[in-house]
Amino acid sequence: MDHIVTVQNAVTAFADFMEPTDAELDAIEQEMPVILADVELLDAQIITLDRTPTQLDARRIRRARRRALAARVALVNRAAGASLPGGAA
């Protein structure tokens, strides 16, 4: 007969030391526009899964792709601008 025992790691999986740090939360906050744009794109694509896409659906997907790309470009530009030394001449 096998005995059922608890696993200590599973019981303490949500201990205080496992919380995200302030730096991790700041990074998530910086990436939130990209995350939201990707969710919008996925929503637009999911709508068309069970039917033939209409012209409106195609426009919605194109716009969502552009917003997602623009959000990624803005994030990269912010990161590149923050990492450059010095200031404007």
PDB file of N, CA and C in Angstrom:
ATOM      1  N   MET A   1       0.844  -1.177   0.000  1.00  0.00           N
ATOM      2  CA  MET A   1       0.000   0.000   0.000  1.00  0.00           C
ATOM      3  C   MET A   1       0.889   1.239   0.000  1.00  0.00           C
ATOM      4  N   ASP A   2       0.603   2.189  -0.910  1.00  0.00           N
ATOM      5  CA  ASP A   2       1.346   3.436  -0.967  1.00  0.00           C
ATOM      6  C   ASP A   2       0.678   4.462  -0.065  1.00  0.00           C
ATOM      7  N   HIS A   3       1.499   5.181   0.666  1.00  0.00           N
ATOM      8  CA  HIS A   3       0.976   6.226   1.536  1.00  0.00           C
ATOM      9  C   HIS A   3       1.020   7.567   0.814  1.00  0.00           C
ATOM     10  N   ILE A   4       0.008   8.359   1.025  1.00  0.00           N
ATOM     11  CA  ILE A   4      -0.057   9.689   0.421  1.00  0.00           C
ATOM     12  C   ILE A   4       0.572  10.671   1.389  1.00  0.00           C
ATOM     13  N   VAL A   5       1.558  11.407   0.909  1.00  0.00           N
ATOM     14  CA  VAL A   5       2.217  12.412   1.746  1.00  0.00           C
ATOM     15  C   VAL A   5       2.186  13.740   1.015  1.00  0.00           C
ATOM     16  N   THR A   6       2.247  14.810   1.755  1.00  0.00           N
ATOM     17  CA  THR A   6       2.282  16.129   1.136  1.00  0.00           C
ATOM     18  C   THR A   6       3.702  16.476   0.742  1.00  0.00           C
ATOM     19  N   VAL A   7       3.798  17.248  -0.273  1.00  0.00           N
ATOM     20  CA  VAL A   7       5.099  17.721  -0.738  1.00  0.00           C
ATOM     21  C   VAL A   7       5.283  19.133  -0.204  1.00  0.00           C
ATOM     22  N   GLN A   8       6.344  19.358   0.525  1.00  0.00           N
ATOM     23  CA  GLN A   8       6.555  20.650   1.170  1.00  0.00           C
ATOM     24  C   GLN A   8       6.623  21.788   0.158  1.00  0.00           C
ATOM     25  N   ASN A   9       7.251  21.566  -0.998  1.00  0.00           N
ATOM     26  CA  ASN A   9       7.352  22.627  -2.005  1.00  0.00           C
ATOM     27  C   ASN A   9       5.988  23.039  -2.535  1.00  0.00           C
ATOM     28  N   ALA A  10       5.108  22.077  -2.704  1.00  0.00           N
ATOM     29  CA  ALA A  10       3.772  22.398  -3.202  1.00  0.00           C
ATOM     30  C   ALA A  10       2.967  23.169  -2.169  1.00  0.00           C
ATOM     31  N   VAL A  11       3.176  22.875  -0.900  1.00  0.00           N
ATOM     32  CA  VAL A  11       2.441  23.551   0.164  1.00  0.00           C
ATOM     33  C   VAL A  11       2.910  24.994   0.306  1.00  0.00           C
ATOM     34  N   THR A  12       4.205  25.228   0.159  1.00  0.00           N
ATOM     35  CA  THR A  12       4.760  26.573   0.346  1.00  0.00           C
ATOM     36  C   THR A  12       5.072  27.244  -0.986  1.00  0.00           C
ATOM     37  N   ALA A  13       4.349  26.886  -2.028  1.00  0.00           N
ATOM     38  CA  ALA A  13       4.636  27.425  -3.358  1.00  0.00           C
ATOM     39  C   ALA A  13       4.408  28.932  -3.426  1.00  0.00           C
ATOM     40  N   PHE A  14       3.584  29.476  -2.577  1.00  0.00           N
ATOM     41  CA  PHE A  14       3.280  30.896  -2.642  1.00  0.00           C
ATOM     42  C   PHE A  14       3.831  31.640  -1.429  1.00  0.00           C
ATOM     43  N   ALA A  15       5.030  31.306  -1.051  1.00  0.00           N
ATOM     44  CA  ALA A  15       5.679  31.976   0.073  1.00  0.00           C
ATOM     45  C   ALA A  15       6.063  33.396  -0.333  1.00  0.00           C
ATOM     46  N   ASP A  16       6.334  34.242   0.661  1.00  0.00           N
ATOM     47  CA  ASP A  16       6.655  35.646   0.408  1.00  0.00           C
ATOM     48  C   ASP A  16       7.872  35.829  -0.501  1.00  0.00           C
ATOM     49  N   PHE A  17       8.856  34.969  -0.379  1.00  0.00           N
ATOM     50  CA  PHE A  17      10.063  35.125  -1.181  1.00  0.00           C
ATOM     51  C   PHE A  17       9.829  34.831  -2.657  1.00  0.00           C
ATOM     52  N   MET A  18       8.684  34.322  -3.012  1.00  0.00           N
ATOM     53  CA  MET A  18       8.388  33.996  -4.403  1.00  0.00           C
ATOM     54  C   MET A  18       7.620  35.105  -5.109  1.00  0.00           C
ATOM     55  N   GLU A  19       7.346  36.200  -4.437  1.00  0.00           N
ATOM     56  CA  GLU A  19       6.633  37.326  -5.038  1.00  0.00           C
ATOM     57  C   GLU A  19       7.538  38.029  -6.042  1.00  0.00           C
ATOM     58  N   PRO A  20       6.969  38.658  -7.075  1.00  0.00           N
ATOM     59  CA  PRO A  20       7.808  39.392  -8.036  1.00  0.00           C
ATOM     60  C   PRO A  20       8.444  40.612  -7.369  1.00  0.00           C
ATOM     61  N   THR A  21       9.634  40.923  -7.798  1.00  0.00           N
ATOM     62  CA  THR A  21      10.336  42.077  -7.253  1.00  0.00           C
ATOM     63  C   THR A  21       9.782  43.355  -7.881  1.00  0.00           C
ATOM     64  N   ASP A  22      10.176  44.487  -7.317  1.00  0.00           N
ATOM     65  CA  ASP A  22       9.744  45.765  -7.874  1.00  0.00           C
ATOM     66  C   ASP A  22      10.255  45.950  -9.300  1.00  0.00           C
ATOM     67  N   ALA A  23      11.470  45.483  -9.561  1.00  0.00           N
ATOM     68  CA  ALA A  23      12.030  45.598 -10.913  1.00  0.00           C
ATOM     69  C   ALA A  23      11.224  44.762 -11.905  1.00  0.00           C
ATOM     70  N   GLU A  24      10.797  43.569 -11.496  1.00  0.00           N
ATOM     71  CA  GLU A  24       9.990  42.722 -12.377  1.00  0.00           C
ATOM     72  C   GLU A  24       8.623  43.344 -12.632  1.00  0.00           C
ATOM     73  N   LEU A  25       8.031  43.925 -11.611  1.00  0.00           N
ATOM     74  CA  LEU A  25       6.740  44.595 -11.786  1.00  0.00           C
ATOM     75  C   LEU A  25       6.866  45.817 -12.692  1.00  0.00           C
ATOM     76  N   ASP A  26       7.974  46.552 -12.573  1.00  0.00           N
ATOM     77  CA  ASP A  26       8.210  47.695 -13.457  1.00  0.00           C
ATOM     78  C   ASP A  26       8.376  47.240 -14.908  1.00  0.00           C
ATOM     79  N   ALA A  27       9.065  46.124 -15.102  1.00  0.00           N
ATOM     80  CA  ALA A  27       9.250  45.591 -16.460  1.00  0.00           C
ATOM     81  C   ALA A  27       7.905  45.174 -17.060  1.00  0.00           C
ATOM     82  N   ILE A  28       7.048  44.575 -16.259  1.00  0.00           N
ATOM     83  CA  ILE A  28       5.722  44.193 -16.740  1.00  0.00           C
ATOM     84  C   ILE A  28       4.924  45.435 -17.104  1.00  0.00           C
ATOM     85  N   GLU A  29       5.026  46.463 -16.273  1.00  0.00           N
ATOM     86  CA  GLU A  29       4.314  47.714 -16.540  1.00  0.00           C
ATOM     87  C   GLU A  29       4.804  48.362 -17.838  1.00  0.00           C
ATOM     88  N   GLN A  30       6.099  48.292 -18.092  1.00  0.00           N
ATOM     89  CA  GLN A  30       6.658  48.837 -19.334  1.00  0.00           C
ATOM     90  C   GLN A  30       6.136  48.076 -20.552  1.00  0.00           C
ATOM     91  N   GLU A  31       5.956  46.765 -20.416  1.00  0.00           N
ATOM     92  CA  GLU A  31       5.530  45.924 -21.533  1.00  0.00           C
ATOM     93  C   GLU A  31       4.010  45.819 -21.670  1.00  0.00           C
ATOM     94  N   MET A  32       3.260  46.438 -20.770  1.00  0.00           N
ATOM     95  CA  MET A  32       1.801  46.297 -20.781  1.00  0.00           C
ATOM     96  C   MET A  32       1.159  46.751 -22.099  1.00  0.00           C
ATOM     97  N   PRO A  33       1.590  47.850 -22.751  1.00  0.00           N
ATOM     98  CA  PRO A  33       0.980  48.197 -24.046  1.00  0.00           C
ATOM     99  C   PRO A  33       1.168  47.100 -25.104  1.00  0.00           C
ATOM    100  N   VAL A  34       2.314  46.444 -25.097  1.00  0.00           N
ATOM    101  CA  VAL A  34       2.565  45.357 -26.046  1.00  0.00           C
ATOM    102  C   VAL A  34       1.656  44.172 -25.728  1.00  0.00           C
ATOM    103  N   ILE A  35       1.526  43.862 -24.453  1.00  0.00           N
ATOM    104  CA  ILE A  35       0.678  42.749 -24.041  1.00  0.00           C
ATOM    105  C   ILE A  35      -0.768  43.000 -24.444  1.00  0.00           C
ATOM    106  N   LEU A  36      -1.261  44.195 -24.184  1.00  0.00           N
ATOM    107  CA  LEU A  36      -2.648  44.521 -24.526  1.00  0.00           C
ATOM    108  C   LEU A  36      -2.879  44.518 -26.032  1.00  0.00           C
ATOM    109  N   ALA A  37      -1.896  45.001 -26.799  1.00  0.00           N
ATOM    110  CA  ALA A  37      -2.024  44.987 -28.256  1.00  0.00           C
ATOM    111  C   ALA A  37      -2.035  43.556 -28.781  1.00  0.00           C
ATOM    112  N   ASP A  38      -1.225  42.686 -28.193  1.00  0.00           N
ATOM    113  CA  ASP A  38      -1.221  41.281 -28.608  1.00  0.00           C
ATOM    114  C   ASP A  38      -2.542  40.599 -28.273  1.00  0.00           C
ATOM    115  N   VAL A  39      -3.114  40.934 -27.127  1.00  0.00           N
ATOM    116  CA  VAL A  39      -4.415  40.368 -26.752  1.00  0.00           C
ATOM    117  C   VAL A  39      -5.487  40.819 -27.740  1.00  0.00           C
ATOM    118  N   GLU A  40      -5.433  42.088 -28.136  1.00  0.00           N
ATOM    119  CA  GLU A  40      -6.394  42.603 -29.116  1.00  0.00           C
ATOM    120  C   GLU A  40      -6.250  41.876 -30.456  1.00  0.00           C
ATOM    121  N   LEU A  41      -5.016  41.639 -30.870  1.00  0.00           N
ATOM    122  CA  LEU A  41      -4.776  40.900 -32.117  1.00  0.00           C
ATOM    123  C   LEU A  41      -5.307  39.475 -32.010  1.00  0.00           C
ATOM    124  N   LEU A  42      -5.046  38.812 -30.899  1.00  0.00           N
ATOM    125  CA  LEU A  42      -5.558  37.455 -30.716  1.00  0.00           C
ATOM    126  C   LEU A  42      -7.079  37.428 -30.717  1.00  0.00           C
ATOM    127  N   ASP A  43      -7.708  38.410 -30.089  1.00  0.00           N
ATOM    128  CA  ASP A  43      -9.169  38.483 -30.103  1.00  0.00           C
ATOM    129  C   ASP A  43      -9.696  38.606 -31.533  1.00  0.00           C
ATOM    130  N   ALA A  44      -9.051  39.448 -32.322  1.00  0.00           N
ATOM    131  CA  ALA A  44      -9.486  39.629 -33.709  1.00  0.00           C
ATOM    132  C   ALA A  44      -9.298  38.342 -34.506  1.00  0.00           C
ATOM    133  N   GLN A  45      -8.230  37.619 -34.239  1.00  0.00           N
ATOM    134  CA  GLN A  45      -7.994  36.365 -34.959  1.00  0.00           C
ATOM    135  C   GLN A  45      -8.939  35.261 -34.494  1.00  0.00           C
ATOM    136  N   ILE A  46      -9.230  35.219 -33.210  1.00  0.00           N
ATOM    137  CA  ILE A  46     -10.126  34.194 -32.675  1.00  0.00           C
ATOM    138  C   ILE A  46     -11.527  34.339 -33.247  1.00  0.00           C
ATOM    139  N   ILE A  47     -11.956  35.580 -33.452  1.00  0.00           N
ATOM    140  CA  ILE A  47     -13.289  35.819 -34.002  1.00  0.00           C
ATOM    141  C   ILE A  47     -13.458  35.125 -35.355  1.00  0.00           C
ATOM    142  N   THR A  48     -12.382  35.058 -36.123  1.00  0.00           N
ATOM    143  CA  THR A  48     -12.479  34.512 -37.482  1.00  0.00           C
ATOM    144  C   THR A  48     -12.205  33.008 -37.564  1.00  0.00           C
ATOM    145  N   LEU A  49     -11.991  32.352 -36.449  1.00  0.00           N
ATOM    146  CA  LEU A  49     -11.656  30.929 -36.488  1.00  0.00           C
ATOM    147  C   LEU A  49     -12.789  30.057 -37.013  1.00  0.00           C
ATOM    148  N   ASP A  50     -14.004  30.363 -36.651  1.00  0.00           N
ATOM    149  CA  ASP A  50     -15.105  29.482 -37.008  1.00  0.00           C
ATOM    150  C   ASP A  50     -15.962  29.992 -38.160  1.00  0.00           C
ATOM    151  N   ARG A  51     -15.443  30.977 -38.861  1.00  0.00           N
ATOM    152  CA  ARG A  51     -16.195  31.489 -40.011  1.00  0.00           C
ATOM    153  C   ARG A  51     -15.221  32.061 -41.043  1.00  0.00           C
ATOM    154  N   THR A  52     -15.739  32.325 -42.215  1.00  0.00           N
ATOM    155  CA  THR A  52     -14.934  32.965 -43.250  1.00  0.00           C
ATOM    156  C   THR A  52     -14.801  34.446 -42.903  1.00  0.00           C
ATOM    157  N   PRO A  53     -13.576  34.966 -42.865  1.00  0.00           N
ATOM    158  CA  PRO A  53     -13.397  36.377 -42.495  1.00  0.00           C
ATOM    159  C   PRO A  53     -14.060  37.317 -43.499  1.00  0.00           C
ATOM    160  N   THR A  54     -14.749  38.297 -42.995  1.00  0.00           N
ATOM    161  CA  THR A  54     -15.354  39.326 -43.841  1.00  0.00           C
ATOM    162  C   THR A  54     -14.329  40.433 -44.054  1.00  0.00           C
ATOM    163  N   GLN A  55     -14.689  41.420 -44.860  1.00  0.00           N
ATOM    164  CA  GLN A  55     -13.795  42.562 -45.055  1.00  0.00           C
ATOM    165  C   GLN A  55     -13.584  43.312 -43.746  1.00  0.00           C
ATOM    166  N   LEU A  56     -14.613  43.400 -42.934  1.00  0.00           N
ATOM    167  CA  LEU A  56     -14.489  44.051 -41.637  1.00  0.00           C
ATOM    168  C   LEU A  56     -13.527  43.285 -40.728  1.00  0.00           C
ATOM    169  N   ASP A  57     -13.614  41.964 -40.743  1.00  0.00           N
ATOM    170  CA  ASP A  57     -12.696  41.139 -39.955  1.00  0.00           C
ATOM    171  C   ASP A  57     -11.255  41.342 -40.415  1.00  0.00           C
ATOM    172  N   ALA A  58     -11.057  41.377 -41.726  1.00  0.00           N
ATOM    173  CA  ALA A  58      -9.706  41.565 -42.265  1.00  0.00           C
ATOM    174  C   ALA A  58      -9.150  42.916 -41.857  1.00  0.00           C
ATOM    175  N   ARG A  59      -9.986  43.958 -41.907  1.00  0.00           N
ATOM    176  CA  ARG A  59      -9.546  45.288 -41.472  1.00  0.00           C
ATOM    177  C   ARG A  59      -9.208  45.297 -39.980  1.00  0.00           C
ATOM    178  N   ARG A  60     -10.043  44.624 -39.192  1.00  0.00           N
ATOM    179  CA  ARG A  60      -9.813  44.567 -37.749  1.00  0.00           C
ATOM    180  C   ARG A  60      -8.479  43.886 -37.440  1.00  0.00           C
ATOM    181  N   ILE A  61      -8.181  42.806 -38.156  1.00  0.00           N
ATOM    182  CA  ILE A  61      -6.915  42.096 -37.943  1.00  0.00           C
ATOM    183  C   ILE A  61      -5.737  42.957 -38.379  1.00  0.00           C
ATOM    184  N   ARG A  62      -5.859  43.627 -39.538  1.00  0.00           N
ATOM    185  CA  ARG A  62      -4.776  44.503 -39.997  1.00  0.00           C
ATOM    186  C   ARG A  62      -4.500  45.614 -38.999  1.00  0.00           C
ATOM    187  N   ARG A  63      -5.551  46.232 -38.491  1.00  0.00           N
ATOM    188  CA  ARG A  63      -5.380  47.316 -37.512  1.00  0.00           C
ATOM    189  C   ARG A  63      -4.747  46.799 -36.225  1.00  0.00           C
ATOM    190  N   ALA A  64      -5.180  45.624 -35.798  1.00  0.00           N
ATOM    191  CA  ALA A  64      -4.619  45.049 -34.576  1.00  0.00           C
ATOM    192  C   ALA A  64      -3.148  44.704 -34.770  1.00  0.00           C
ATOM    193  N   ARG A  65      -2.787  44.199 -35.962  1.00  0.00           N
ATOM    194  CA  ARG A  65      -1.372  43.911 -36.247  1.00  0.00           C
ATOM    195  C   ARG A  65      -0.539  45.191 -36.215  1.00  0.00           C
ATOM    196  N   ARG A  66      -1.088  46.260 -36.818  1.00  0.00           N
ATOM    197  CA  ARG A  66      -0.361  47.537 -36.821  1.00  0.00           C
ATOM    198  C   ARG A  66      -0.184  48.077 -35.410  1.00  0.00           C
ATOM    199  N   ARG A  67      -1.241  47.957 -34.583  1.00  0.00           N
ATOM    200  CA  ARG A  67      -1.117  48.429 -33.197  1.00  0.00           C
ATOM    201  C   ARG A  67      -0.089  47.610 -32.422  1.00  0.00           C
ATOM    202  N   ALA A  68      -0.085  46.302 -32.633  1.00  0.00           N
ATOM    203  CA  ALA A  68       0.882  45.447 -31.948  1.00  0.00           C
ATOM    204  C   ALA A  68       2.304  45.791 -32.379  1.00  0.00           C
ATOM    205  N   LEU A  69       2.494  46.000 -33.667  1.00  0.00           N
ATOM    206  CA  LEU A  69       3.820  46.370 -34.161  1.00  0.00           C
ATOM    207  C   LEU A  69       4.244  47.739 -33.625  1.00  0.00           C
ATOM    208  N   ALA A  70       3.324  48.687 -33.633  1.00  0.00           N
ATOM    209  CA  ALA A  70       3.638  50.022 -33.121  1.00  0.00           C
ATOM    210  C   ALA A  70       3.979  49.976 -31.631  1.00  0.00           C
ATOM    211  N   ALA A  71       3.293  49.139 -30.878  1.00  0.00           N
ATOM    212  CA  ALA A  71       3.587  49.015 -29.447  1.00  0.00           C
ATOM    213  C   ALA A  71       4.970  48.412 -29.235  1.00  0.00           C
ATOM    214  N   ARG A  72       5.323  47.424 -30.059  1.00  0.00           N
ATOM    215  CA  ARG A  72       6.668  46.827 -29.945  1.00  0.00           C
ATOM    216  C   ARG A  72       7.753  47.831 -30.321  1.00  0.00           C
ATOM    217  N   VAL A  73       7.511  48.596 -31.374  1.00  0.00           N
ATOM    218  CA  VAL A  73       8.491  49.601 -31.800  1.00  0.00           C
ATOM    219  C   VAL A  73       8.666  50.652 -30.707  1.00  0.00           C
ATOM    220  N   ALA A  74       7.569  51.093 -30.115  1.00  0.00           N
ATOM    221  CA  ALA A  74       7.648  52.083 -29.042  1.00  0.00           C
ATOM    222  C   ALA A  74       8.420  51.538 -27.846  1.00  0.00           C
ATOM    223  N   LEU A  75       8.206  50.268 -27.510  1.00  0.00           N
ATOM    224  CA  LEU A  75       8.931  49.659 -26.394  1.00  0.00           C
ATOM    225  C   LEU A  75      10.422  49.581 -26.680  1.00  0.00           C
ATOM    226  N   VAL A  76      10.775  49.168 -27.891  1.00  0.00           N
ATOM    227  CA  VAL A  76      12.191  49.069 -28.256  1.00  0.00           C
ATOM    228  C   VAL A  76      12.834  50.455 -28.270  1.00  0.00           C
ATOM    229  N   ASN A  77      12.131  51.439 -28.807  1.00  0.00           N
ATOM    230  CA  ASN A  77      12.682  52.801 -28.838  1.00  0.00           C
ATOM    231  C   ASN A  77      12.865  53.364 -27.434  1.00  0.00           C
ATOM    232  N   ARG A  78      11.914  53.076 -26.538  1.00  0.00           N
ATOM    233  CA  ARG A  78      12.066  53.527 -25.145  1.00  0.00           C
ATOM    234  C   ARG A  78      13.266  52.875 -24.493  1.00  0.00           C
ATOM    235  N   ALA A  79      13.436  51.576 -24.732  1.00  0.00           N
ATOM    236  CA  ALA A  79      14.560  50.852 -24.148  1.00  0.00           C
ATOM    237  C   ALA A  79      15.883  51.349 -24.722  1.00  0.00           C
ATOM    238  N   ALA A  80      15.916  51.613 -26.022  1.00  0.00           N
ATOM    239  CA  ALA A  80      17.153  52.098 -26.642  1.00  0.00           C
ATOM    240  C   ALA A  80      17.466  53.519 -26.172  1.00  0.00           C
ATOM    241  N   GLY A  81      16.460  54.340 -26.035  1.00  0.00           N
ATOM    242  CA  GLY A  81      16.673  55.710 -25.557  1.00  0.00           C
ATOM    243  C   GLY A  81      17.135  55.752 -24.122  1.00  0.00           C
ATOM    244  N   ALA A  82      16.658  54.826 -23.306  1.00  0.00           N
ATOM    245  CA  ALA A  82      17.043  54.798 -21.899  1.00  0.00           C
ATOM    246  C   ALA A  82      18.467  54.286 -21.718  1.00  0.00           C
ATOM    247  N   SER A  83      18.955  53.480 -22.666  1.00  0.00           N
ATOM    248  CA  SER A  83      20.278  52.887 -22.492  1.00  0.00           C
ATOM    249  C   SER A  83      21.386  53.717 -23.129  1.00  0.00           C
ATOM    250  N   LEU A  84      21.044  54.781 -23.852  1.00  0.00           N
ATOM    251  CA  LEU A  84      22.077  55.604 -24.475  1.00  0.00           C
ATOM    252  C   LEU A  84      22.696  56.545 -23.463  1.00  0.00           C
ATOM    253  N   PRO A  85      24.018  56.619 -23.401  1.00  0.00           N
ATOM    254  CA  PRO A  85      24.659  57.535 -22.468  1.00  0.00           C
ATOM    255  C   PRO A  85      24.629  58.961 -22.999  1.00  0.00           C
ATOM    256  N   GLY A  86      24.723  59.913 -22.108  1.00  0.00           N
ATOM    257  CA  GLY A  86      24.785  61.320 -22.510  1.00  0.00           C
ATOM    258  C   GLY A  86      23.416  61.887 -22.800  1.00  0.00           C
ATOM    259  N   GLY A  87      23.431  63.107 -23.299  1.00  0.00           N
ATOM    260  CA  GLY A  87      22.183  63.773 -23.584  1.00  0.00           C
ATOM    261  C   GLY A  87      22.207  64.393 -24.957  1.00  0.00           C
ATOM    262  N   ALA A  88      21.266  65.245 -25.221  1.00  0.00           N
ATOM    263  CA  ALA A  88      21.183  65.924 -26.513  1.00  0.00           C
ATOM    264  C   ALA A  88      22.294  66.957 -26.619  1.00  0.00           C
ATOM    265  N   ALA A  89      22.808  67.126 -27.802  1.00  0.00           N
ATOM    266  CA  ALA A  89      23.917  68.073 -28.003  1.00  0.00           C
ATOM    267  C   ALA A  89      23.402  69.455 -28.246  1.00  0.00           C
TER     268      ALA A  89
END
